[in-house]
Every structure is written in C-alpha cells, then in structure tokens.
PDB file of all heavy atoms in Angstrom:
ATOM      1  N   LYS A   1       0.811  -1.208   0.000  1.00  0.00           N
ATOM      2  CA  LYS A   1       0.000   0.000   0.000  1.00  0.00           C
ATOM      3  C   LYS A   1       0.850   1.266   0.000  1.00  0.00           C
ATOM      4  O   LYS A   1       0.305   2.367   0.059  1.00  0.00           O
ATOM      5  CB  LYS A   1      -0.931   0.018   1.211  1.00  0.00           C
ATOM      6  CG  LYS A   1      -1.953  -1.105   1.230  1.00  0.00           C
ATOM      7  CD  LYS A   1      -2.866  -0.997   2.444  1.00  0.00           C
ATOM      8  CE  LYS A   1      -3.914  -2.095   2.448  1.00  0.00           C
ATOM      9  NZ  LYS A   1      -4.806  -2.002   3.630  1.00  0.00           N
ATOM     10  N   ASN A   2       2.158   1.104  -0.032  1.00  0.00           N
ATOM     11  CA  ASN A   2       3.079   2.244   0.003  1.00  0.00           C
ATOM     12  C   ASN A   2       2.803   3.147   1.199  1.00  0.00           C
ATOM     13  O   ASN A   2       2.771   4.377   1.080  1.00  0.00           O
ATOM     14  CB  ASN A   2       2.991   3.049  -1.295  1.00  0.00           C
ATOM     15  CG  ASN A   2       3.544   2.297  -2.479  1.00  0.00           C
ATOM     16  OD1 ASN A   2       4.398   1.422  -2.332  1.00  0.00           O
ATOM     17  ND2 ASN A   2       3.068   2.633  -3.668  1.00  0.00           N
ATOM     18  N   THR A   3       2.624   2.534   2.343  1.00  0.00           N
ATOM     19  CA  THR A   3       2.242   3.275   3.538  1.00  0.00           C
ATOM     20  C   THR A   3       3.019   2.792   4.757  1.00  0.00           C
ATOM     21  O   THR A   3       3.188   1.591   4.956  1.00  0.00           O
ATOM     22  CB  THR A   3       0.737   3.147   3.810  1.00  0.00           C
ATOM     23  OG1 THR A   3       0.000   3.607   2.669  1.00  0.00           O
ATOM     24  CG2 THR A   3       0.335   3.983   5.012  1.00  0.00           C
ATOM     25  N   MET A   4       3.473   3.742   5.559  1.00  0.00           N
ATOM     26  CA  MET A   4       4.095   3.461   6.844  1.00  0.00           C
ATOM     27  C   MET A   4       3.204   4.026   7.936  1.00  0.00           C
ATOM     28  O   MET A   4       2.538   5.045   7.746  1.00  0.00           O
ATOM     29  CB  MET A   4       5.487   4.096   6.923  1.00  0.00           C
ATOM     30  CG  MET A   4       6.176   3.886   8.264  1.00  0.00           C
ATOM     31  SD  MET A   4       7.819   4.671   8.367  1.00  0.00           S
ATOM     32  CE  MET A   4       7.387   6.407   8.219  1.00  0.00           C
ATOM     33  N   TYR A   5       3.220   3.372   9.095  1.00  0.00           N
ATOM     34  CA  TYR A   5       2.352   3.770  10.188  1.00  0.00           C
ATOM     35  C   TYR A   5       3.152   4.008  11.466  1.00  0.00           C
ATOM     36  O   TYR A   5       4.205   3.413  11.684  1.00  0.00           O
ATOM     37  CB  TYR A   5       1.310   2.693  10.471  1.00  0.00           C
ATOM     38  CG  TYR A   5       0.493   2.302   9.270  1.00  0.00           C
ATOM     39  CD1 TYR A   5       0.832   1.190   8.511  1.00  0.00           C
ATOM     40  CD2 TYR A   5      -0.618   3.046   8.894  1.00  0.00           C
ATOM     41  CE1 TYR A   5       0.082   0.826   7.408  1.00  0.00           C
ATOM     42  CE2 TYR A   5      -1.370   2.695   7.790  1.00  0.00           C
ATOM     43  CZ  TYR A   5      -1.017   1.586   7.051  1.00  0.00           C
ATOM     44  OH  TYR A   5      -1.768   1.238   5.956  1.00  0.00           O
ATOM     45  N   LEU A   6       2.617   4.876  12.290  1.00  0.00           N
ATOM     46  CA  LEU A   6       3.131   5.073  13.636  1.00  0.00           C
ATOM     47  C   LEU A   6       1.951   4.945  14.592  1.00  0.00           C
ATOM     48  O   LEU A   6       1.108   5.837  14.666  1.00  0.00           O
ATOM     49  CB  LEU A   6       3.795   6.438  13.790  1.00  0.00           C
ATOM     50  CG  LEU A   6       4.338   6.757  15.189  1.00  0.00           C
ATOM     51  CD1 LEU A   6       5.465   5.796  15.569  1.00  0.00           C
ATOM     52  CD2 LEU A   6       4.814   8.203  15.274  1.00  0.00           C
ATOM     53  N   GLN A   7       1.894   3.824  15.289  1.00  0.00           N
ATOM     54  CA  GLN A   7       0.857   3.604  16.287  1.00  0.00           C
ATOM     55  C   GLN A   7       1.357   4.146  17.616  1.00  0.00           C
ATOM     56  O   GLN A   7       2.373   3.678  18.136  1.00  0.00           O
ATOM     57  CB  GLN A   7       0.533   2.115  16.403  1.00  0.00           C
ATOM     58  CG  GLN A   7      -0.505   1.786  17.476  1.00  0.00           C
ATOM     59  CD  GLN A   7      -1.869   2.334  17.153  1.00  0.00           C
ATOM     60  OE1 GLN A   7      -2.369   2.156  16.044  1.00  0.00           O
ATOM     61  NE2 GLN A   7      -2.486   3.012  18.111  1.00  0.00           N
ATOM     62  N   MET A   8       0.648   5.106  18.164  1.00  0.00           N
ATOM     63  CA  MET A   8       1.045   5.751  19.401  1.00  0.00           C
ATOM     64  C   MET A   8       0.041   5.409  20.489  1.00  0.00           C
ATOM     65  O   MET A   8      -1.142   5.728  20.381  1.00  0.00           O
ATOM     66  CB  MET A   8       1.130   7.265  19.216  1.00  0.00           C
ATOM     67  CG  MET A   8       2.089   7.692  18.113  1.00  0.00           C
ATOM     68  SD  MET A   8       2.204   9.492  17.946  1.00  0.00           S
ATOM     69  CE  MET A   8       0.561   9.847  17.308  1.00  0.00           C
ATOM     70  N   ASN A   9       0.518   4.759  21.523  1.00  0.00           N
ATOM     71  CA  ASN A   9      -0.308   4.396  22.660  1.00  0.00           C
ATOM     72  C   ASN A   9       0.196   5.099  23.911  1.00  0.00           C
ATOM     73  O   ASN A   9       1.336   5.541  23.980  1.00  0.00           O
ATOM     74  CB  ASN A   9      -0.296   2.882  22.877  1.00  0.00           C
ATOM     75  CG  ASN A   9      -0.856   2.112  21.710  1.00  0.00           C
ATOM     76  OD1 ASN A   9      -1.782   2.568  21.037  1.00  0.00           O
ATOM     77  ND2 ASN A   9      -0.322   0.925  21.470  1.00  0.00           N
ATOM     78  N   SER A  10      -0.653   5.174  24.907  1.00  0.00           N
ATOM     79  CA  SER A  10      -0.303   5.784  26.195  1.00  0.00           C
ATOM     80  C   SER A  10       0.313   7.163  26.012  1.00  0.00           C
ATOM     81  O   SER A  10       1.352   7.486  26.589  1.00  0.00           O
ATOM     82  CB  SER A  10       0.650   4.865  26.962  1.00  0.00           C
ATOM     83  OG  SER A  10       0.062   3.601  27.197  1.00  0.00           O
ATOM     84  N   LEU A  11      -0.335   7.973  25.214  1.00  0.00           N
ATOM     85  CA  LEU A  11       0.177   9.312  24.946  1.00  0.00           C
ATOM     86  C   LEU A  11       0.208  10.149  26.218  1.00  0.00           C
ATOM     87  O   LEU A  11      -0.713  10.088  27.036  1.00  0.00           O
ATOM     88  CB  LEU A  11      -0.676   9.994  23.890  1.00  0.00           C
ATOM     89  CG  LEU A  11      -0.472   9.451  22.471  1.00  0.00           C
ATOM     90  CD1 LEU A  11      -1.638   9.832  21.573  1.00  0.00           C
ATOM     91  CD2 LEU A  11       0.839   9.979  21.897  1.00  0.00           C
ATOM     92  N   ASN A  12       1.267  10.914  26.363  1.00  0.00           N
ATOM     93  CA  ASN A  12       1.446  11.741  27.541  1.00  0.00           C
ATOM     94  C   ASN A  12       1.779  13.166  27.124  1.00  0.00           C
ATOM     95  O   ASN A  12       1.970  13.449  25.939  1.00  0.00           O
ATOM     96  CB  ASN A  12       2.528  11.141  28.456  1.00  0.00           C
ATOM     97  CG  ASN A  12       3.885  11.039  27.786  1.00  0.00           C
ATOM     98  OD1 ASN A  12       4.392  12.015  27.248  1.00  0.00           O
ATOM     99  ND2 ASN A  12       4.487   9.861  27.839  1.00  0.00           N
ATOM    100  N   PRO A  13       1.855  14.085  28.087  1.00  0.00           N
ATOM    101  CA  PRO A  13       2.098  15.495  27.743  1.00  0.00           C
ATOM    102  C   PRO A  13       3.443  15.770  27.087  1.00  0.00           C
ATOM    103  O   PRO A  13       3.658  16.888  26.609  1.00  0.00           O
ATOM    104  CB  PRO A  13       2.007  16.199  29.114  1.00  0.00           C
ATOM    105  CG  PRO A  13       1.110  15.323  29.911  1.00  0.00           C
ATOM    106  CD  PRO A  13       1.475  13.922  29.498  1.00  0.00           C
ATOM    107  N   GLU A  14       4.344  14.810  27.043  1.00  0.00           N
ATOM    108  CA  GLU A  14       5.618  14.987  26.363  1.00  0.00           C
ATOM    109  C   GLU A  14       5.550  14.645  24.881  1.00  0.00           C
ATOM    110  O   GLU A  14       6.507  14.893  24.147  1.00  0.00           O
ATOM    111  CB  GLU A  14       6.710  14.146  27.034  1.00  0.00           C
ATOM    112  CG  GLU A  14       7.026  14.567  28.462  1.00  0.00           C
ATOM    113  CD  GLU A  14       8.147  13.754  29.078  1.00  0.00           C
ATOM    114  OE1 GLU A  14       8.494  12.692  28.524  1.00  0.00           O
ATOM    115  OE2 GLU A  14       8.683  14.183  30.109  1.00  0.00           O
ATOM    116  N   ASP A  15       4.443  14.088  24.441  1.00  0.00           N
ATOM    117  CA  ASP A  15       4.327  13.626  23.064  1.00  0.00           C
ATOM    118  C   ASP A  15       3.793  14.644  22.059  1.00  0.00           C
ATOM    119  O   ASP A  15       3.999  14.451  20.856  1.00  0.00           O
ATOM    120  CB  ASP A  15       3.450  12.373  23.008  1.00  0.00           C
ATOM    121  CG  ASP A  15       4.062  11.188  23.737  1.00  0.00           C
ATOM    122  OD1 ASP A  15       5.293  11.014  23.666  1.00  0.00           O
ATOM    123  OD2 ASP A  15       3.293  10.444  24.374  1.00  0.00           O
ATOM    124  N   PRO A  16       3.101  15.706  22.477  1.00  0.00           N
ATOM    125  CA  PRO A  16       2.601  16.658  21.483  1.00  0.00           C
ATOM    126  C   PRO A  16       3.732  17.242  20.655  1.00  0.00           C
ATOM    127  O   PRO A  16       4.743  17.692  21.196  1.00  0.00           O
ATOM    128  CB  PRO A  16       1.919  17.739  22.329  1.00  0.00           C
ATOM    129  CG  PRO A  16       1.528  17.035  23.585  1.00  0.00           C
ATOM    130  CD  PRO A  16       2.641  16.055  23.833  1.00  0.00           C
ATOM    131  N   ALA A  17       3.554  17.232  19.363  1.00  0.00           N
ATOM    132  CA  ALA A  17       4.584  17.703  18.451  1.00  0.00           C
ATOM    133  C   ALA A  17       4.061  17.615  17.033  1.00  0.00           C
ATOM    134  O   ALA A  17       3.001  17.039  16.777  1.00  0.00           O
ATOM    135  CB  ALA A  17       5.857  16.856  18.589  1.00  0.00           C
ATOM    136  N   VAL A  18       4.825  18.180  16.129  1.00  0.00           N
ATOM    137  CA  VAL A  18       4.609  17.917  14.720  1.00  0.00           C
ATOM    138  C   VAL A  18       5.428  16.684  14.368  1.00  0.00           C
ATOM    139  O   VAL A  18       6.629  16.639  14.630  1.00  0.00           O
ATOM    140  CB  VAL A  18       5.030  19.107  13.840  1.00  0.00           C
ATOM    141  CG1 VAL A  18       4.886  18.757  12.365  1.00  0.00           C
ATOM    142  CG2 VAL A  18       4.191  20.331  14.182  1.00  0.00           C
ATOM    143  N   TYR A  19       4.779  15.702  13.822  1.00  0.00           N
ATOM    144  CA  TYR A  19       5.434  14.452  13.475  1.00  0.00           C
ATOM    145  C   TYR A  19       5.712  14.409  11.985  1.00  0.00           C
ATOM    146  O   TYR A  19       4.831  14.657  11.163  1.00  0.00           O
ATOM    147  CB  TYR A  19       4.560  13.263  13.880  1.00  0.00           C
ATOM    148  CG  TYR A  19       4.589  12.984  15.366  1.00  0.00           C
ATOM    149  CD1 TYR A  19       3.946  13.833  16.260  1.00  0.00           C
ATOM    150  CD2 TYR A  19       5.277  11.886  15.876  1.00  0.00           C
ATOM    151  CE1 TYR A  19       3.991  13.599  17.624  1.00  0.00           C
ATOM    152  CE2 TYR A  19       5.322  11.638  17.236  1.00  0.00           C
ATOM    153  CZ  TYR A  19       4.680  12.500  18.107  1.00  0.00           C
ATOM    154  OH  TYR A  19       4.719  12.255  19.461  1.00  0.00           O
ATOM    155  N   TYR A  20       6.959  14.077  11.651  1.00  0.00           N
ATOM    156  CA  TYR A  20       7.406  14.056  10.268  1.00  0.00           C
ATOM    157  C   TYR A  20       7.766  12.646   9.830  1.00  0.00           C
ATOM    158  O   TYR A  20       8.492  11.941  10.524  1.00  0.00           O
ATOM    159  CB  TYR A  20       8.645  14.936  10.085  1.00  0.00           C
ATOM    160  CG  TYR A  20       8.420  16.397  10.390  1.00  0.00           C
ATOM    161  CD1 TYR A  20       8.674  16.907  11.654  1.00  0.00           C
ATOM    162  CD2 TYR A  20       7.966  17.267   9.407  1.00  0.00           C
ATOM    163  CE1 TYR A  20       8.480  18.245  11.938  1.00  0.00           C
ATOM    164  CE2 TYR A  20       7.768  18.606   9.683  1.00  0.00           C
ATOM    165  CZ  TYR A  20       8.027  19.091  10.953  1.00  0.00           C
ATOM    166  OH  TYR A  20       7.834  20.424  11.220  1.00  0.00           O
ATOM    167  N   CYS A  21       7.280  12.269   8.698  1.00  0.00           N
ATOM    168  CA  CYS A  21       7.658  11.024   8.055  1.00  0.00           C
ATOM    169  C   CYS A  21       8.921  11.256   7.237  1.00  0.00           C
ATOM    170  O   CYS A  21       9.050  12.281   6.569  1.00  0.00           O
ATOM    171  CB  CYS A  21       6.511  10.559   7.156  1.00  0.00           C
ATOM    172  SG  CYS A  21       6.871   9.156   6.093  1.00  0.00           S
ATOM    173  N   VAL A  22       9.854  10.313   7.300  1.00  0.00           N
ATOM    174  CA  VAL A  22      11.098  10.445   6.552  1.00  0.00           C
ATOM    175  C   VAL A  22      11.431   9.141   5.843  1.00  0.00           C
ATOM    176  O   VAL A  22      11.002   8.065   6.243  1.00  0.00           O
ATOM    177  CB  VAL A  22      12.279  10.846   7.467  1.00  0.00           C
ATOM    178  CG1 VAL A  22      12.036  12.220   8.079  1.00  0.00           C
ATOM    179  CG2 VAL A  22      12.506   9.811   8.564  1.00  0.00           C
ATOM    180  N   ALA A  23      12.216   9.259   4.800  1.00  0.00           N
ATOM    181  CA  ALA A  23      12.674   8.099   4.056  1.00  0.00           C
ATOM    182  C   ALA A  23      14.092   8.331   3.573  1.00  0.00           C
ATOM    183  O   ALA A  23      14.465   9.453   3.230  1.00  0.00           O
ATOM    184  CB  ALA A  23      11.754   7.812   2.866  1.00  0.00           C
ATOM    185  N   ALA A  24      14.868   7.266   3.556  1.00  0.00           N
ATOM    186  CA  ALA A  24      16.222   7.329   3.042  1.00  0.00           C
ATOM    187  C   ALA A  24      16.227   7.002   1.557  1.00  0.00           C
ATOM    188  O   ALA A  24      15.252   6.462   1.018  1.00  0.00           O
ATOM    189  CB  ALA A  24      17.124   6.348   3.795  1.00  0.00           C
ATOM    190  N   ASP A  25      17.340   7.325   0.915  1.00  0.00           N
ATOM    191  CA  ASP A  25      17.488   6.969  -0.488  1.00  0.00           C
ATOM    192  C   ASP A  25      18.738   6.143  -0.721  1.00  0.00           C
ATOM    193  O   ASP A  25      19.150   5.942  -1.861  1.00  0.00           O
ATOM    194  CB  ASP A  25      17.516   8.212  -1.381  1.00  0.00           C
ATOM    195  CG  ASP A  25      18.750   9.076  -1.167  1.00  0.00           C
ATOM    196  OD1 ASP A  25      19.471   8.866  -0.176  1.00  0.00           O
ATOM    197  OD2 ASP A  25      18.986   9.974  -1.997  1.00  0.00           O
ATOM    198  N   ARG A  26      19.324   5.649   0.361  1.00  0.00           N
ATOM    199  CA  ARG A  26      20.538   4.865   0.281  1.00  0.00           C
ATOM    200  C   ARG A  26      20.709   4.076   1.567  1.00  0.00           C
ATOM    201  O   ARG A  26      20.080   4.378   2.586  1.00  0.00           O
ATOM    202  CB  ARG A  26      21.754   5.764   0.078  1.00  0.00           C
ATOM    203  CG  ARG A  26      22.030   6.671   1.275  1.00  0.00           C
ATOM    204  CD  ARG A  26      23.082   7.715   0.961  1.00  0.00           C
ATOM    205  NE  ARG A  26      23.462   8.476   2.142  1.00  0.00           N
ATOM    206  CZ  ARG A  26      22.756   9.481   2.646  1.00  0.00           C
ATOM    207  NH1 ARG A  26      21.610   9.832   2.076  1.00  0.00           N
ATOM    208  NH2 ARG A  26      23.177  10.129   3.725  1.00  0.00           N
ATOM    209  N   GLY A  27      21.559   3.083   1.531  1.00  0.00           N
ATOM    210  CA  GLY A  27      21.935   2.373   2.731  1.00  0.00           C
ATOM    211  C   GLY A  27      20.841   1.496   3.303  1.00  0.00           C
ATOM    212  O   GLY A  27      19.773   1.304   2.715  1.00  0.00           O
ATOM    213  N   THR A  28      21.132   0.978   4.488  1.00  0.00           N
ATOM    214  CA  THR A  28      20.204   0.102   5.180  1.00  0.00           C
ATOM    215  C   THR A  28      19.920   0.546   6.605  1.00  0.00           C
ATOM    216  O   THR A  28      19.135  -0.094   7.302  1.00  0.00           O
ATOM    217  CB  THR A  28      20.745  -1.337   5.221  1.00  0.00           C
ATOM    218  OG1 THR A  28      22.018  -1.362   5.879  1.00  0.00           O
ATOM    219  CG2 THR A  28      20.892  -1.891   3.812  1.00  0.00           C
ATOM    220  N   TYR A  29      20.550   1.629   7.059  1.00  0.00           N
ATOM    221  CA  TYR A  29      20.342   2.083   8.421  1.00  0.00           C
ATOM    222  C   TYR A  29      18.917   2.589   8.620  1.00  0.00           C
ATOM    223  O   TYR A  29      18.389   3.321   7.792  1.00  0.00           O
ATOM    224  CB  TYR A  29      21.318   3.203   8.772  1.00  0.00           C
ATOM    225  CG  TYR A  29      22.770   2.794   8.735  1.00  0.00           C
ATOM    226  CD1 TYR A  29      23.703   3.581   8.070  1.00  0.00           C
ATOM    227  CD2 TYR A  29      23.207   1.638   9.357  1.00  0.00           C
ATOM    228  CE1 TYR A  29      25.035   3.217   8.036  1.00  0.00           C
ATOM    229  CE2 TYR A  29      24.536   1.263   9.318  1.00  0.00           C
ATOM    230  CZ  TYR A  29      25.449   2.055   8.663  1.00  0.00           C
ATOM    231  OH  TYR A  29      26.775   1.687   8.626  1.00  0.00           O
TER     232      TYR A  29
END
C-alpha cells in the first residue's frame, strides 16, 4: 500500500509535536 504507520499508545504530555515522516534513499540504516 506504500504506507508506513506510527501507532502511538499511552500518549502523555511529552508527546505533542509535529510528526514528520522520513525516508532514506541509500543504505540500510
């Protein structure tokens, strides 16, 4: 589906943020 997910549980006051999806174009790290 060409989709990645981030399941977030037990959210706390330290978690609010702008979340960014990233992808590499080389390597395996």
